[in-house]
């Protein structure tokens, strides 16, 4: 093979190798960007989970407060009903004694 042909092959190989280097570099840069996007997405999910946990705790507290208030209201109403029932029973008894 002539020196000229060998040089041409080397030059062609260098061009191909340089092109491959550029393409590999682009792939690596794309990989870095994708990793960053994945990390950002993970942070976003973590933030949403934290927000969700805080809201869940708040909702549970509200439910507990509502249950407590409901139990208190129930006790008050039950007492009123019992008082009215006793009053009615007393009146009925008085009416029966009048006969």
C-alpha atoms as a PDB file:
ATOM      1  CA  UNK A   1       0.000   0.000   0.000  1.00  0.00           C
ATOM      2  CA  UNK A   2       1.268   3.420  -0.840  1.00  0.00           C
ATOM      3  CA  UNK A   3       2.082   5.954   1.813  1.00  0.00           C
ATOM      4  CA  UNK A   4      -0.499   8.198   0.272  1.00  0.00           C
ATOM      5  CA  UNK A   5      -3.255   5.600   0.638  1.00  0.00           C
ATOM      6  CA  UNK A   6      -2.211   4.869   4.226  1.00  0.00           C
ATOM      7  CA  UNK A   7      -2.329   8.571   5.029  1.00  0.00           C
ATOM      8  CA  UNK A   8      -5.762   8.842   3.415  1.00  0.00           C
ATOM      9  CA  UNK A   9      -7.037   5.919   5.511  1.00  0.00           C
ATOM     10  CA  UNK A  10      -5.575   7.474   8.681  1.00  0.00           C
ATOM     11  CA  UNK A  11      -7.137  10.818   7.868  1.00  0.00           C
ATOM     12  CA  UNK A  12     -10.504   9.183   7.194  1.00  0.00           C
ATOM     13  CA  UNK A  13     -10.249   7.200  10.446  1.00  0.00           C
ATOM     14  CA  UNK A  14      -9.399  10.385  12.374  1.00  0.00           C
ATOM     15  CA  UNK A  15     -12.476  12.112  10.918  1.00  0.00           C
ATOM     16  CA  UNK A  16     -14.701   9.161  11.851  1.00  0.00           C
ATOM     17  CA  UNK A  17     -13.152   8.958  15.335  1.00  0.00           C
ATOM     18  CA  UNK A  18     -13.677  12.693  15.890  1.00  0.00           C
ATOM     19  CA  UNK A  19     -17.299  12.384  14.788  1.00  0.00           C
ATOM     20  CA  UNK A  20     -17.797   9.472  17.185  1.00  0.00           C
ATOM     21  CA  UNK A  21     -16.236  11.497  20.013  1.00  0.00           C
ATOM     22  CA  UNK A  22     -18.680  14.342  19.358  1.00  0.00           C
ATOM     23  CA  UNK A  23     -21.648  11.963  19.302  1.00  0.00           C
ATOM     24  CA  UNK A  24     -20.507  10.229  22.499  1.00  0.00           C
ATOM     25  CA  UNK A  25     -20.097  13.644  24.125  1.00  0.00           C
ATOM     26  CA  UNK A  26     -23.667  14.580  23.112  1.00  0.00           C
ATOM     27  CA  UNK A  27     -24.977  11.320  24.544  1.00  0.00           C
ATOM     28  CA  UNK A  28     -23.104  11.938  27.811  1.00  0.00           C
ATOM     29  CA  UNK A  29     -24.491  15.490  28.037  1.00  0.00           C
ATOM     30  CA  UNK A  30     -27.994  14.172  27.390  1.00  0.00           C
ATOM     31  CA  UNK A  31     -27.489  11.565  30.092  1.00  0.00           C
ATOM     32  CA  UNK A  32     -26.424  14.273  32.570  1.00  0.00           C
ATOM     33  CA  UNK A  33     -29.510  16.341  31.720  1.00  0.00           C
ATOM     34  CA  UNK A  34     -31.784  13.329  32.139  1.00  0.00           C
ATOM     35  CA  UNK A  35     -30.210  12.552  35.522  1.00  0.00           C
ATOM     36  CA  UNK A  36     -30.867  16.137  36.629  1.00  0.00           C
ATOM     37  CA  UNK A  37     -34.479  15.946  35.459  1.00  0.00           C
ATOM     38  CA  UNK A  38     -34.942  12.660  37.321  1.00  0.00           C
ATOM     39  CA  UNK A  39     -33.408  14.170  40.472  1.00  0.00           C
ATOM     40  CA  UNK A  40     -35.643  17.248  40.177  1.00  0.00           C
ATOM     41  CA  UNK A  41     -38.677  15.031  39.687  1.00  0.00           C
ATOM     42  CA  UNK A  42     -37.706  12.994  42.750  1.00  0.00           C
ATOM     43  CA  UNK A  43     -37.417  16.175  44.814  1.00  0.00           C
ATOM     44  CA  UNK A  44     -40.824  17.269  43.546  1.00  0.00           C
ATOM     45  CA  UNK A  45     -42.334  13.943  44.565  1.00  0.00           C
ATOM     46  CA  UNK A  46     -40.701  14.235  48.004  1.00  0.00           C
ATOM     47  CA  UNK A  47     -42.150  17.743  48.397  1.00  0.00           C
ATOM     48  CA  UNK A  48     -45.605  16.484  47.411  1.00  0.00           C
ATOM     49  CA  UNK A  49     -45.347  13.613  49.896  1.00  0.00           C
ATOM     50  CA  UNK A  50     -44.388  16.026  52.668  1.00  0.00           C
ATOM     51  CA  UNK A  51     -47.254  18.357  51.740  1.00  0.00           C
ATOM     52  CA  UNK A  52     -49.637  15.416  51.620  1.00  0.00           C
ATOM     53  CA  UNK A  53     -48.502  14.186  55.050  1.00  0.00           C
ATOM     54  CA  UNK A  54     -49.006  17.665  56.528  1.00  0.00           C
ATOM     55  CA  UNK A  55     -52.476  17.959  55.015  1.00  0.00           C
ATOM     56  CA  UNK A  56     -53.315  14.436  56.159  1.00  0.00           C
ATOM     57  CA  UNK A  57     -52.280  15.304  59.727  1.00  0.00           C
ATOM     58  CA  UNK A  58     -54.373  18.483  59.593  1.00  0.00           C
ATOM     59  CA  UNK A  59     -57.405  16.589  58.307  1.00  0.00           C
ATOM     60  CA  UNK A  60     -56.975  13.968  61.043  1.00  0.00           C
ATOM     61  CA  UNK A  61     -56.827  16.719  63.668  1.00  0.00           C
ATOM     62  CA  UNK A  62     -59.978  18.300  62.265  1.00  0.00           C
ATOM     63  CA  UNK A  63     -61.733  14.935  62.322  1.00  0.00           C
ATOM     64  CA  UNK A  64     -60.636  14.362  65.924  1.00  0.00           C
ATOM     65  CA  UNK A  65     -61.858  17.853  66.885  1.00  0.00           C
ATOM     66  CA  UNK A  66     -65.164  17.198  65.129  1.00  0.00           C
ATOM     67  CA  UNK A  67     -65.571  13.859  66.923  1.00  0.00           C
ATOM     68  CA  UNK A  68     -64.863  15.497  70.276  1.00  0.00           C
ATOM     69  CA  UNK A  69     -67.320  18.316  69.561  1.00  0.00           C
ATOM     70  CA  UNK A  70     -69.883  15.797  68.329  1.00  0.00           C
ATOM     71  CA  UNK A  71     -69.466  13.695  71.489  1.00  0.00           C
ATOM     72  CA  UNK A  72     -69.905  16.800  73.651  1.00  0.00           C
ATOM     73  CA  UNK A  73     -73.014  17.852  71.715  1.00  0.00           C
ATOM     74  CA  UNK A  74     -74.348  14.310  71.959  1.00  0.00           C
ATOM     75  CA  UNK A  75     -73.879  14.301  75.743  1.00  0.00           C
ATOM     76  CA  UNK A  76     -75.666  17.663  76.076  1.00  0.00           C
ATOM     77  CA  UNK A  77     -78.572  16.521  73.894  1.00  0.00           C
ATOM     78  CA  UNK A  78     -78.825  13.199  75.710  1.00  0.00           C
ATOM     79  CA  UNK A  79     -79.006  15.027  79.043  1.00  0.00           C
ATOM     80  CA  UNK A  80     -81.716  17.355  77.711  1.00  0.00           C
ATOM     81  CA  UNK A  81     -83.704  14.402  76.366  1.00  0.00           C
ATOM     82  CA  UNK A  82     -83.344  12.557  79.667  1.00  0.00           C
ATOM     83  CA  UNK A  83     -84.470  15.684  81.554  1.00  0.00           C
ATOM     84  CA  UNK A  84     -87.511  16.085  79.290  1.00  0.00           C
ATOM     85  CA  UNK A  85     -88.323  12.368  79.576  1.00  0.00           C
ATOM     86  CA  UNK A  86     -88.172  12.553  83.388  1.00  0.00           C
ATOM     87  CA  UNK A  87     -90.335  15.677  83.342  1.00  0.00           C
ATOM     88  CA  UNK A  88     -92.902  13.973  81.095  1.00  0.00           C
ATOM     89  CA  UNK A  89     -92.887  10.840  83.255  1.00  0.00           C
ATOM     90  CA  UNK A  90     -93.393  13.019  86.324  1.00  0.00           C
ATOM     91  CA  UNK A  91     -96.319  14.832  84.697  1.00  0.00           C
ATOM     92  CA  UNK A  92     -97.893  11.572  83.526  1.00  0.00           C
ATOM     93  CA  UNK A  93     -97.524  10.163  87.015  1.00  0.00           C
ATOM     94  CA  UNK A  94     -99.150  13.270  88.505  1.00  0.00           C
ATOM     95  CA  UNK A  95    -102.022  13.028  86.011  1.00  0.00           C
ATOM     96  CA  UNK A  96    -102.511   9.346  86.776  1.00  0.00           C
ATOM     97  CA  UNK A  97    -102.632  10.141  90.496  1.00  0.00           C
ATOM     98  CA  UNK A  98    -105.374  12.704  89.882  1.00  0.00           C
ATOM     99  CA  UNK A  99    -107.782  10.057  88.601  1.00  0.00           C
END
